[in-house]
Amino acid sequence: MKRKWEAKLKQIEERASYYERKPLSSVYRPRLSKPEEPPSIWKLFHRQTQAFNFVKSCKEDVHVFALECKVGDGQRIYVVTTYAQLWFYYKSRKTLLHCYEVIPENAVCKLYFDLEFNKLANPGTDGKQMVALLIKHVCKALHEIYGVNCSAEDVFNLDSSTDEKFSRHLIFQLHDVAFKNNIHVGNFVRKILQPALKLIAKEDDDLMRETIDNGMSHFSEAPVKQAISFSKMCTEKNIGENWTLNSKKLERLESAKQSSPDLSFLVVKNNRGEKHLFVDLGVYTRNRNFRLYKSSKIGKQVTLEVAEDNKFFPKQSNNISEEKQHFQSSLVSNIRFSDTLQILTCNTSDSKQKRVEHFNSTSTSVEAIEGFQCSPYPEIDHFVLSLVNKNGIEGGIRRWNYFFPEELLVYDICKYRWCENIGRAHKSNNIMILVDLKNEVWYQKCHDPVCKAENFKSDCFPLPPEVCLLFLFKEVRRGIYNR
């Protein structure tokens, strides 16, 4: 018994001596295959900015991905890793079910589209045909503007449609061609879709003009100025430049070239019957989260799969599986750099024209005006000020923007940072109050990077009746009849 104990003690002492000479690592670093390969990286962050700061400190080729982790609140965590490491854990689909690629700001990227429409609101609409026509139009534009040749065989077509919604992602696989960043992609997409945007704007103008003409037959001219003459109010209050809005806008729309392509097939309706684009123009923002191939939205069962009408097929390889090739092809930021890589750019004009896609992904605004502090709607200004002047805090309106087709007023707020998303005030980032005149509601959004990354939008709240246009019309009519 004594000999056995002495042998056991000697074995323990030898083991202790070994670990003193070669101690265990305090941090476990998973490896993909062979021990001699450099350690891979897998690091989690609760803030997107922290993840990108870590990327800057890494020598390895790492990327940021977003993982949805809670149903209902839209919370996401961010993982920094390599494409190979992510695929190693992602391919089994046992975990990491709701993943998004974060398209970095200022990063070279592929041309991509997010397409969707409500099937119930658009009965008889052929989504597949719309996709085919859009691809044909985009390929033609790429050739005419940049001299780039491509076809449907260069477009990876992914589908996540349901019985209620038609939904597709298109990622162009252009050989040795990429865009400078996704902001330039968005500029290009808006440029080539102008005929469709103008079509929606013209229909909205016609409807507005018909409504105003009908209303003018019942009211005297003077009382109606404050309620409906938007451009006149701008002049009377000396806000910004002297805008004669509707007439100039119609003139520009009517002077469009006769040769413009017919893109009416891109105009669809939402569940409220309002017209908008089949193409989501809200996916071309900085550090955009774009859903990964094979992932579903949290709380949903439908994953992003290869569409049955997809015509893109990656080159066969003995070393890489087809599934992995599909995964790599679906990554918008996965660009192979070479001496022959052509970088495409598309800059916006220097005009004061603004777009609202930053605030609402379904918007199709093509014209806007802007100003400071007081908008041409004083009643709404006073209401917004009442929202940001409470609990001892005196907030104000720093800037306003008005977007015509959406009838949307966007207020940049100063000195008031309370955010419904986090349940407290932001430390440094201000908020926005958006007033939807068409639907007579208001809601809050944020300039905070985390809230923007989560695409946060508060609940919609009804406007007080006294600031709604219909109420003003009724007041005008009552004043006329009581004369």
Protein backbone atom coordinates (compact mmCIF):
# COMPACT_ATOMS: atom_id res chain seq x y z
CA MET A 1 0.00 0.00 0.00
CA LYS A 2 2.85 2.37 0.90
CA ARG A 3 4.57 1.76 -2.46
CA LYS A 4 1.36 2.53 -4.35
CA TRP A 5 0.93 5.80 -2.45
CA GLU A 6 4.54 6.83 -3.11
CA ALA A 7 4.11 6.05 -6.84
CA LYS A 8 0.89 8.09 -6.95
CA LEU A 9 2.54 11.03 -5.15
CA LYS A 10 5.46 10.96 -7.56
CA GLN A 11 3.08 11.00 -10.52
CA ILE A 12 1.25 14.05 -9.12
CA GLU A 13 4.52 15.87 -8.48
CA GLU A 14 5.66 15.20 -12.04
CA ARG A 15 2.31 16.47 -13.39
CA ALA A 16 2.57 19.62 -11.25
CA SER A 17 6.12 20.21 -12.45
CA TYR A 18 4.98 19.84 -16.06
CA TYR A 19 2.19 22.44 -15.70
CA GLU A 20 4.57 24.83 -13.96
CA ARG A 21 6.80 24.68 -17.02
CA LYS A 22 3.84 24.74 -19.49
CA PRO A 23 0.86 26.42 -17.78
CA LEU A 24 -2.67 26.17 -19.18
CA SER A 25 -3.96 29.18 -21.11
CA SER A 26 -6.33 31.33 -19.06
CA VAL A 27 -8.48 31.97 -22.14
CA TYR A 28 -9.88 29.18 -24.30
CA ARG A 29 -9.31 29.88 -27.98
CA PRO A 30 -11.23 27.52 -30.28
CA ARG A 31 -9.49 26.24 -33.40
CA LEU A 32 -11.03 25.19 -36.66
CA SER A 33 -8.88 22.17 -37.41
CA LYS A 34 -5.15 21.70 -36.91
CA PRO A 35 -3.48 22.78 -33.63
CA GLU A 36 -0.67 24.49 -35.50
CA GLU A 37 -3.07 26.97 -37.16
CA PRO A 38 -3.27 30.46 -35.61
CA PRO A 39 -6.03 30.84 -33.01
CA SER A 40 -9.38 31.99 -34.39
CA ILE A 41 -11.37 34.91 -33.02
CA TRP A 42 -14.87 34.84 -31.55
CA LYS A 43 -15.69 37.84 -29.36
CA LEU A 44 -19.12 39.13 -28.30
CA PHE A 45 -20.18 42.75 -27.70
CA HIS A 46 -23.39 44.41 -26.61
CA ARG A 47 -22.64 47.57 -28.57
CA GLN A 48 -21.99 47.78 -32.29
CA THR A 49 -19.43 50.56 -31.86
CA GLN A 50 -17.45 48.39 -29.43
CA ALA A 51 -17.43 45.57 -31.99
CA PHE A 52 -16.10 47.83 -34.75
CA ASN A 53 -13.47 49.29 -32.44
CA PHE A 54 -12.27 45.77 -31.70
CA VAL A 55 -12.13 45.01 -35.46
CA LYS A 56 -9.79 47.97 -35.92
CA SER A 57 -7.41 46.51 -33.33
CA CYS A 58 -7.28 43.05 -35.00
CA LYS A 59 -4.62 42.02 -37.48
CA GLU A 60 -6.79 39.15 -38.72
CA ASP A 61 -9.48 39.58 -41.40
CA VAL A 62 -12.49 39.71 -39.07
CA HIS A 63 -16.03 40.99 -39.55
CA VAL A 64 -19.02 42.05 -37.45
CA PHE A 65 -22.25 40.06 -37.34
CA ALA A 66 -25.44 40.75 -35.39
CA LEU A 67 -27.31 38.04 -33.50
CA GLU A 68 -30.95 38.49 -32.47
CA CYS A 69 -31.33 37.11 -28.99
CA LYS A 70 -34.70 38.19 -27.53
CA VAL A 71 -38.21 38.01 -28.99
CA GLY A 72 -40.14 41.26 -29.00
CA ASP A 73 -37.56 43.82 -27.90
CA GLY A 74 -35.32 43.64 -30.97
CA GLN A 75 -32.16 43.42 -28.86
CA ARG A 76 -29.05 42.21 -30.68
CA ILE A 77 -25.55 41.26 -29.65
CA TYR A 78 -22.58 41.55 -31.98
CA VAL A 79 -19.95 38.92 -32.68
CA VAL A 80 -16.56 39.65 -34.25
CA THR A 81 -15.11 36.68 -36.09
CA THR A 82 -13.81 35.48 -39.46
CA TYR A 83 -16.03 34.19 -42.26
CA ALA A 84 -14.52 30.69 -41.84
CA GLN A 85 -15.08 30.62 -38.08
CA LEU A 86 -18.70 31.80 -38.40
CA TRP A 87 -19.44 29.17 -41.04
CA PHE A 88 -17.87 26.48 -38.83
CA TYR A 89 -20.54 27.07 -36.17
CA TYR A 90 -23.29 28.35 -38.48
CA LYS A 91 -23.49 25.46 -40.97
CA SER A 92 -25.13 22.97 -38.59
CA ARG A 93 -28.06 25.39 -38.00
CA LYS A 94 -28.41 24.11 -34.44
CA THR A 95 -27.51 27.52 -33.03
CA LEU A 96 -27.08 31.02 -34.50
CA LEU A 97 -30.53 30.87 -36.10
CA HIS A 98 -31.13 34.62 -36.42
CA CYS A 99 -27.98 36.23 -37.82
CA TYR A 100 -27.27 39.39 -39.77
CA GLU A 101 -24.23 40.65 -41.62
CA VAL A 102 -23.32 44.17 -40.53
CA ILE A 103 -22.31 46.03 -43.70
CA PRO A 104 -19.54 48.37 -42.45
CA GLU A 105 -19.59 52.07 -43.08
CA ASN A 106 -17.23 53.03 -45.93
CA ALA A 107 -16.58 49.37 -46.83
CA VAL A 108 -16.44 48.23 -50.45
CA CYS A 109 -19.49 46.06 -51.11
CA LYS A 110 -21.67 44.33 -53.66
CA LEU A 111 -24.81 45.71 -55.26
CA TYR A 112 -27.80 44.37 -53.32
CA PHE A 113 -31.59 44.74 -53.09
CA ASP A 114 -34.27 44.01 -50.51
CA LEU A 115 -37.63 43.44 -52.23
CA GLU A 116 -41.06 42.90 -50.69
CA PHE A 117 -44.76 43.53 -51.03
CA ASN A 118 -47.95 42.52 -49.24
CA LYS A 119 -49.64 39.76 -51.24
CA LEU A 120 -53.10 40.43 -49.79
CA ALA A 121 -52.91 44.12 -50.72
CA ASN A 122 -51.66 43.29 -54.26
CA PRO A 123 -53.80 40.39 -55.54
CA GLY A 124 -52.71 38.96 -58.88
CA THR A 125 -49.25 40.58 -58.68
CA ASP A 126 -46.55 38.33 -60.15
CA GLY A 127 -43.53 38.73 -57.88
CA LYS A 128 -41.26 36.50 -59.93
CA GLN A 129 -41.91 38.51 -63.07
CA MET A 130 -41.26 41.75 -61.17
CA VAL A 131 -37.90 40.37 -59.98
CA ALA A 132 -36.97 39.37 -63.54
CA LEU A 133 -37.91 42.80 -64.94
CA LEU A 134 -36.01 44.59 -62.18
CA ILE A 135 -32.86 42.54 -62.79
CA LYS A 136 -33.10 43.30 -66.50
CA HIS A 137 -33.46 47.03 -65.79
CA VAL A 138 -30.52 47.08 -63.33
CA CYS A 139 -28.24 45.17 -65.71
CA LYS A 140 -29.07 47.63 -68.48
CA ALA A 141 -28.32 50.58 -66.17
CA LEU A 142 -24.99 49.07 -65.08
CA HIS A 143 -23.99 48.73 -68.73
CA GLU A 144 -25.11 52.24 -69.73
CA ILE A 145 -23.61 54.05 -66.74
CA TYR A 146 -20.47 52.03 -65.97
CA GLY A 147 -19.96 49.77 -68.97
CA VAL A 148 -20.41 46.70 -66.75
CA ASN A 149 -21.91 43.64 -68.43
CA CYS A 150 -24.06 41.26 -66.38
CA SER A 151 -27.26 39.21 -66.51
CA ALA A 152 -29.63 37.26 -64.27
CA GLU A 153 -26.94 34.56 -64.07
CA ASP A 154 -24.84 37.02 -62.02
CA VAL A 155 -27.57 37.68 -59.44
CA PHE A 156 -27.91 35.50 -56.33
CA ASN A 157 -31.67 35.37 -55.74
CA LEU A 158 -32.77 34.50 -52.18
CA ASP A 159 -36.35 33.98 -51.05
CA SER A 160 -38.08 34.27 -47.66
CA SER A 161 -41.69 34.70 -48.83
CA THR A 162 -44.74 33.68 -46.82
CA ASP A 163 -48.44 33.37 -47.64
CA GLU A 164 -48.87 37.03 -46.68
CA LYS A 165 -45.65 38.59 -47.99
CA PHE A 166 -43.44 38.27 -51.06
CA SER A 167 -39.84 38.81 -49.94
CA ARG A 168 -36.54 38.53 -51.81
CA HIS A 169 -32.87 39.48 -51.45
CA LEU A 170 -30.80 40.04 -54.60
CA ILE A 171 -26.99 40.11 -54.35
CA PHE A 172 -25.11 40.89 -57.58
CA GLN A 173 -21.97 38.76 -58.11
CA LEU A 174 -20.09 41.08 -60.48
CA HIS A 175 -16.64 39.84 -61.49
CA ASP A 176 -13.93 42.30 -60.34
CA VAL A 177 -16.57 45.01 -59.81
CA ALA A 178 -17.88 46.47 -56.53
CA PHE A 179 -19.29 49.71 -55.16
CA LYS A 180 -17.27 52.08 -52.97
CA ASN A 181 -19.75 51.53 -50.12
CA ASN A 182 -23.45 50.90 -49.59
CA ILE A 183 -24.22 54.63 -49.54
CA HIS A 184 -23.06 54.75 -53.17
CA VAL A 185 -25.16 51.64 -53.81
CA GLY A 186 -28.20 53.48 -52.46
CA ASN A 187 -27.47 56.52 -54.61
CA PHE A 188 -27.22 54.30 -57.69
CA VAL A 189 -30.47 52.48 -56.89
CA ARG A 190 -32.38 55.73 -56.35
CA LYS A 191 -30.93 57.15 -59.56
CA ILE A 192 -32.06 54.26 -61.75
CA LEU A 193 -35.48 54.05 -60.04
CA GLN A 194 -36.33 57.74 -60.49
CA PRO A 195 -39.11 57.03 -63.05
CA ALA A 196 -40.93 54.89 -60.48
CA LEU A 197 -40.37 57.44 -57.70
CA LYS A 198 -41.67 60.24 -59.90
CA LEU A 199 -44.70 58.14 -60.85
CA ILE A 200 -45.66 57.79 -57.18
CA ALA A 201 -44.98 61.48 -56.53
CA LYS A 202 -47.10 62.54 -59.51
CA GLU A 203 -50.03 60.39 -58.42
CA ASP A 204 -49.78 61.89 -54.93
CA ASP A 205 -49.69 65.39 -56.42
CA ASP A 206 -52.72 64.72 -58.60
CA LEU A 207 -54.63 63.41 -55.61
CA MET A 208 -53.58 66.37 -53.46
CA ARG A 209 -54.51 68.87 -56.17
CA GLU A 210 -57.92 67.24 -56.67
CA THR A 211 -58.54 67.32 -52.92
CA ILE A 212 -57.52 70.97 -52.66
CA ASP A 213 -59.61 71.94 -55.71
CA ASN A 214 -62.65 70.24 -54.23
CA GLY A 215 -62.04 71.90 -50.89
CA MET A 216 -61.58 75.37 -52.41
CA SER A 217 -65.09 75.26 -53.84
CA HIS A 218 -66.50 75.30 -50.30
CA PHE A 219 -64.25 77.87 -48.58
CA SER A 220 -63.32 81.48 -49.06
CA GLU A 221 -59.67 82.06 -49.92
CA ALA A 222 -58.46 83.91 -46.79
CA PRO A 223 -59.27 81.34 -44.04
CA VAL A 224 -57.88 78.45 -46.03
CA LYS A 225 -54.34 79.89 -46.31
CA GLN A 226 -53.20 78.64 -42.94
CA ALA A 227 -54.73 75.18 -43.42
CA ILE A 228 -53.55 74.16 -46.89
CA SER A 229 -51.38 76.74 -48.68
CA PHE A 230 -48.02 75.33 -47.62
CA SER A 231 -45.84 77.29 -50.00
CA LYS A 232 -47.69 80.53 -49.25
CA MET A 233 -47.09 80.07 -45.55
CA CYS A 234 -43.38 79.58 -46.19
CA THR A 235 -43.27 82.95 -47.95
CA GLU A 236 -45.36 84.76 -45.31
CA LYS A 237 -43.17 83.50 -42.43
CA ASN A 238 -39.86 84.09 -44.31
CA ILE A 239 -38.73 80.53 -43.60
CA GLY A 240 -35.82 79.56 -45.80
CA GLU A 241 -36.13 80.47 -49.46
CA ASN A 242 -39.28 81.51 -51.27
CA TRP A 243 -40.74 78.16 -52.34
CA THR A 244 -43.57 77.82 -54.85
CA LEU A 245 -43.65 74.14 -54.14
CA ASN A 246 -46.45 72.35 -55.89
CA SER A 247 -46.31 74.27 -59.18
CA LYS A 248 -42.53 73.88 -59.59
CA LYS A 249 -42.69 70.25 -58.61
CA LEU A 250 -45.37 69.49 -61.20
CA GLU A 251 -43.44 71.35 -63.87
CA ARG A 252 -40.33 69.27 -63.19
CA LEU A 253 -42.30 66.04 -63.22
CA GLU A 254 -44.10 66.91 -66.46
CA SER A 255 -40.81 67.85 -68.17
CA ALA A 256 -39.32 64.37 -67.59
CA LYS A 257 -37.87 62.71 -70.64
CA GLN A 258 -40.28 60.75 -72.82
CA SER A 259 -37.64 58.03 -73.11
CA SER A 260 -37.81 57.14 -69.40
CA PRO A 261 -38.32 53.40 -68.92
CA ASP A 262 -41.70 52.15 -67.74
CA LEU A 263 -41.13 51.12 -64.13
CA SER A 264 -44.78 51.09 -63.12
CA PHE A 265 -44.40 47.39 -62.27
CA LEU A 266 -42.34 48.45 -59.24
CA VAL A 267 -45.25 50.35 -57.66
CA VAL A 268 -47.16 48.29 -55.10
CA LYS A 269 -49.60 48.98 -52.25
CA ASN A 270 -49.21 48.46 -48.53
CA ASN A 271 -51.94 47.12 -46.28
CA ARG A 272 -53.41 50.64 -45.99
CA GLY A 273 -53.74 50.97 -49.75
CA GLU A 274 -50.88 53.49 -50.02
CA LYS A 275 -48.51 53.18 -52.96
CA HIS A 276 -44.79 52.61 -52.47
CA LEU A 277 -41.85 50.89 -54.16
CA PHE A 278 -41.32 47.15 -54.44
CA VAL A 279 -37.66 47.98 -53.64
CA ASP A 280 -36.91 48.86 -50.02
CA LEU A 281 -34.77 52.01 -50.15
CA GLY A 282 -34.11 51.91 -46.42
CA VAL A 283 -31.40 49.24 -46.55
CA TYR A 284 -28.61 51.52 -47.75
CA THR A 285 -27.69 53.10 -44.42
CA ARG A 286 -24.38 53.04 -42.56
CA ASN A 287 -23.54 49.82 -40.70
CA ARG A 288 -26.68 48.20 -42.04
CA ASN A 289 -27.79 44.83 -40.62
CA PHE A 290 -28.63 42.50 -43.55
CA ARG A 291 -30.03 39.04 -42.84
CA LEU A 292 -27.79 36.06 -43.61
CA TYR A 293 -28.52 33.18 -45.95
CA LYS A 294 -30.34 30.40 -44.02
CA SER A 295 -31.32 32.74 -41.17
CA SER A 296 -34.83 33.69 -40.07
CA LYS A 297 -36.08 36.71 -38.19
CA ILE A 298 -36.48 36.00 -34.50
CA GLY A 299 -39.95 34.70 -33.74
CA LYS A 300 -40.36 33.64 -37.39
CA GLN A 301 -39.88 30.22 -38.99
CA VAL A 302 -39.19 31.26 -42.60
CA THR A 303 -35.49 31.28 -43.48
CA LEU A 304 -33.71 32.96 -46.37
CA GLU A 305 -33.27 30.23 -49.01
CA VAL A 306 -32.18 30.00 -52.65
CA ALA A 307 -35.17 31.06 -54.77
CA GLU A 308 -36.59 28.54 -57.21
CA ASP A 309 -36.11 31.04 -60.06
CA ASN A 310 -32.49 31.76 -59.06
CA LYS A 311 -30.15 31.59 -62.06
CA PHE A 312 -26.84 32.15 -60.29
CA PHE A 313 -24.74 29.06 -59.61
CA PRO A 314 -21.25 29.33 -58.08
CA LYS A 315 -18.37 27.51 -59.73
CA GLN A 316 -18.05 23.93 -58.53
CA SER A 317 -15.13 23.25 -56.20
CA ASN A 318 -13.77 20.05 -54.70
CA ASN A 319 -12.59 21.90 -51.60
CA ILE A 320 -15.70 24.00 -50.85
CA SER A 321 -19.24 22.66 -50.48
CA GLU A 322 -22.10 24.23 -52.42
CA GLU A 323 -23.71 25.40 -49.18
CA LYS A 324 -20.56 27.23 -48.14
CA GLN A 325 -20.30 28.83 -51.59
CA HIS A 326 -23.89 30.03 -51.28
CA PHE A 327 -23.07 31.46 -47.84
CA GLN A 328 -20.00 33.27 -49.15
CA SER A 329 -21.88 34.60 -52.17
CA SER A 330 -24.65 36.00 -49.98
CA LEU A 331 -22.24 38.18 -47.95
CA VAL A 332 -22.54 41.74 -49.25
CA SER A 333 -19.14 42.80 -47.89
CA ASN A 334 -17.29 39.68 -49.06
CA ILE A 335 -15.14 41.25 -51.78
CA ARG A 336 -11.94 39.76 -53.16
CA PHE A 337 -9.49 42.57 -53.76
CA SER A 338 -7.25 42.45 -56.81
CA ASP A 339 -5.33 44.77 -59.10
CA THR A 340 -8.18 44.63 -61.61
CA LEU A 341 -11.00 45.40 -59.13
CA GLN A 342 -13.18 48.22 -60.47
CA ILE A 343 -14.73 50.44 -57.78
CA LEU A 344 -18.03 52.08 -58.81
CA THR A 345 -19.21 55.36 -57.30
CA CYS A 346 -22.46 57.31 -57.45
CA ASN A 347 -22.59 60.66 -55.67
CA THR A 348 -25.69 62.65 -54.81
CA SER A 349 -26.31 66.08 -56.32
CA ASP A 350 -25.40 69.21 -54.42
CA SER A 351 -28.99 70.41 -54.28
CA LYS A 352 -30.92 70.82 -51.04
CA GLN A 353 -33.16 67.93 -51.99
CA LYS A 354 -33.51 65.46 -49.11
CA ARG A 355 -34.78 61.90 -48.86
CA VAL A 356 -36.73 60.29 -46.04
CA GLU A 357 -35.59 56.67 -46.40
CA HIS A 358 -33.28 57.24 -43.41
CA PHE A 359 -36.35 57.64 -41.23
CA ASN A 360 -38.82 55.23 -42.83
CA SER A 361 -37.75 52.26 -44.93
CA THR A 362 -41.01 52.21 -46.91
CA SER A 363 -40.84 55.87 -47.92
CA THR A 364 -40.25 57.02 -51.48
CA SER A 365 -39.72 60.73 -51.04
CA VAL A 366 -38.09 62.53 -53.93
CA GLU A 367 -38.47 66.12 -52.71
CA ALA A 368 -38.28 67.96 -49.43
CA ILE A 369 -37.80 71.36 -47.85
CA GLU A 370 -36.07 72.19 -44.61
CA GLY A 371 -35.67 74.97 -42.09
CA PHE A 372 -34.90 75.82 -38.48
CA GLN A 373 -36.97 76.09 -35.29
CA CYS A 374 -40.39 77.11 -36.72
CA SER A 375 -41.97 75.11 -39.54
CA PRO A 376 -44.85 76.32 -41.73
CA TYR A 377 -47.17 74.40 -39.37
CA PRO A 378 -47.13 76.51 -36.16
CA GLU A 379 -49.83 74.43 -34.47
CA ILE A 380 -47.76 71.26 -34.88
CA ASP A 381 -44.61 73.10 -33.75
CA HIS A 382 -46.36 74.05 -30.50
CA PHE A 383 -47.54 70.46 -30.02
CA VAL A 384 -44.00 69.08 -30.56
CA LEU A 385 -42.59 71.64 -28.13
CA SER A 386 -45.13 70.47 -25.54
CA LEU A 387 -43.72 66.94 -25.89
CA VAL A 388 -40.16 68.04 -25.15
CA ASN A 389 -40.88 70.62 -22.46
CA LYS A 390 -41.78 68.69 -19.33
CA ASN A 391 -40.38 67.38 -16.07
CA GLY A 392 -38.23 70.47 -15.75
CA ILE A 393 -36.55 69.95 -19.13
CA GLU A 394 -36.80 72.68 -21.75
CA GLY A 395 -36.30 71.06 -25.14
CA GLY A 396 -36.47 72.80 -28.48
CA ILE A 397 -36.68 72.33 -32.24
CA ARG A 398 -33.23 72.53 -33.81
CA ARG A 399 -34.27 71.76 -37.37
CA TRP A 400 -37.25 70.51 -39.36
CA ASN A 401 -37.64 68.73 -42.71
CA TYR A 402 -40.85 68.24 -44.69
CA PHE A 403 -41.14 65.35 -47.20
CA PHE A 404 -43.90 65.82 -49.75
CA PRO A 405 -45.27 62.43 -50.91
CA GLU A 406 -45.25 61.06 -47.35
CA GLU A 407 -46.61 64.30 -45.84
CA LEU A 408 -44.00 63.74 -43.13
CA LEU A 409 -42.57 66.40 -40.82
CA VAL A 410 -39.28 65.38 -39.18
CA TYR A 411 -38.14 67.44 -36.20
CA ASP A 412 -34.57 67.28 -34.91
CA ILE A 413 -34.89 67.95 -31.18
CA CYS A 414 -32.31 69.70 -29.03
CA LYS A 415 -31.81 69.75 -25.23
CA TYR A 416 -34.18 66.80 -24.78
CA ARG A 417 -32.85 63.24 -25.13
CA TRP A 418 -35.43 60.98 -23.51
CA CYS A 419 -35.65 57.75 -25.56
CA GLU A 420 -38.52 55.30 -25.30
CA ASN A 421 -36.27 52.50 -26.56
CA ILE A 422 -33.91 52.53 -23.55
CA GLY A 423 -36.34 54.06 -21.04
CA ARG A 424 -34.03 56.95 -20.17
CA ALA A 425 -32.27 59.92 -21.72
CA HIS A 426 -29.31 59.37 -24.01
CA LYS A 427 -26.06 60.81 -22.69
CA SER A 428 -25.10 62.66 -25.87
CA ASN A 429 -27.36 61.71 -28.80
CA ASN A 430 -30.51 63.66 -29.56
CA ILE A 431 -33.88 62.33 -30.66
CA MET A 432 -36.28 63.02 -33.52
CA ILE A 433 -40.04 63.55 -33.46
CA LEU A 434 -41.72 62.50 -36.71
CA VAL A 435 -45.22 63.72 -37.50
CA ASP A 436 -47.15 61.77 -40.15
CA LEU A 437 -49.75 64.24 -41.42
CA LYS A 438 -51.28 61.70 -43.75
CA ASN A 439 -52.13 59.24 -40.96
CA GLU A 440 -52.38 61.92 -38.24
CA VAL A 441 -49.90 60.22 -35.89
CA TRP A 442 -46.50 61.00 -34.39
CA TYR A 443 -43.62 58.81 -33.20
CA GLN A 444 -40.02 59.03 -31.97
CA LYS A 445 -36.75 57.89 -33.52
CA CYS A 446 -33.11 58.41 -32.48
CA HIS A 447 -29.74 59.57 -33.73
CA ASP A 448 -28.12 57.12 -31.30
CA PRO A 449 -26.10 54.50 -33.27
CA VAL A 450 -27.50 51.58 -31.26
CA CYS A 451 -31.12 52.66 -31.71
CA LYS A 452 -30.46 53.23 -35.41
CA ALA A 453 -28.83 49.82 -35.78
CA GLU A 454 -31.88 48.25 -34.17
CA ASN A 455 -34.08 50.32 -36.53
CA PHE A 456 -35.92 51.55 -33.46
CA LYS A 457 -39.21 53.35 -33.95
CA SER A 458 -41.55 54.05 -31.07
CA ASP A 459 -45.24 53.29 -31.08
CA CYS A 460 -47.40 55.67 -33.10
CA PHE A 461 -49.53 58.10 -31.09
CA PRO A 462 -52.51 60.06 -32.48
CA LEU A 463 -52.12 63.77 -33.05
CA PRO A 464 -54.43 66.04 -31.05
CA PRO A 465 -57.50 66.90 -33.16
CA GLU A 466 -56.74 70.63 -33.03
CA VAL A 467 -53.53 70.24 -35.08
CA CYS A 468 -55.01 67.95 -37.79
CA LEU A 469 -55.86 69.40 -41.19
CA LEU A 470 -59.38 67.96 -41.22
CA PHE A 471 -60.08 69.73 -37.93
CA LEU A 472 -58.79 73.00 -39.41
CA PHE A 473 -61.04 72.57 -42.45
CA LYS A 474 -64.03 72.00 -40.17
CA GLU A 475 -63.14 75.12 -38.17
CA VAL A 476 -62.89 77.12 -41.38
CA ARG A 477 -66.24 75.80 -42.59
CA ARG A 478 -67.84 76.57 -39.22
CA GLY A 479 -66.47 80.11 -39.37
CA ILE A 480 -67.88 80.63 -42.87
CA TYR A 481 -71.36 79.34 -41.99
CA ASN A 482 -71.52 81.44 -38.80
CA ARG A 483 -70.90 84.67 -40.67
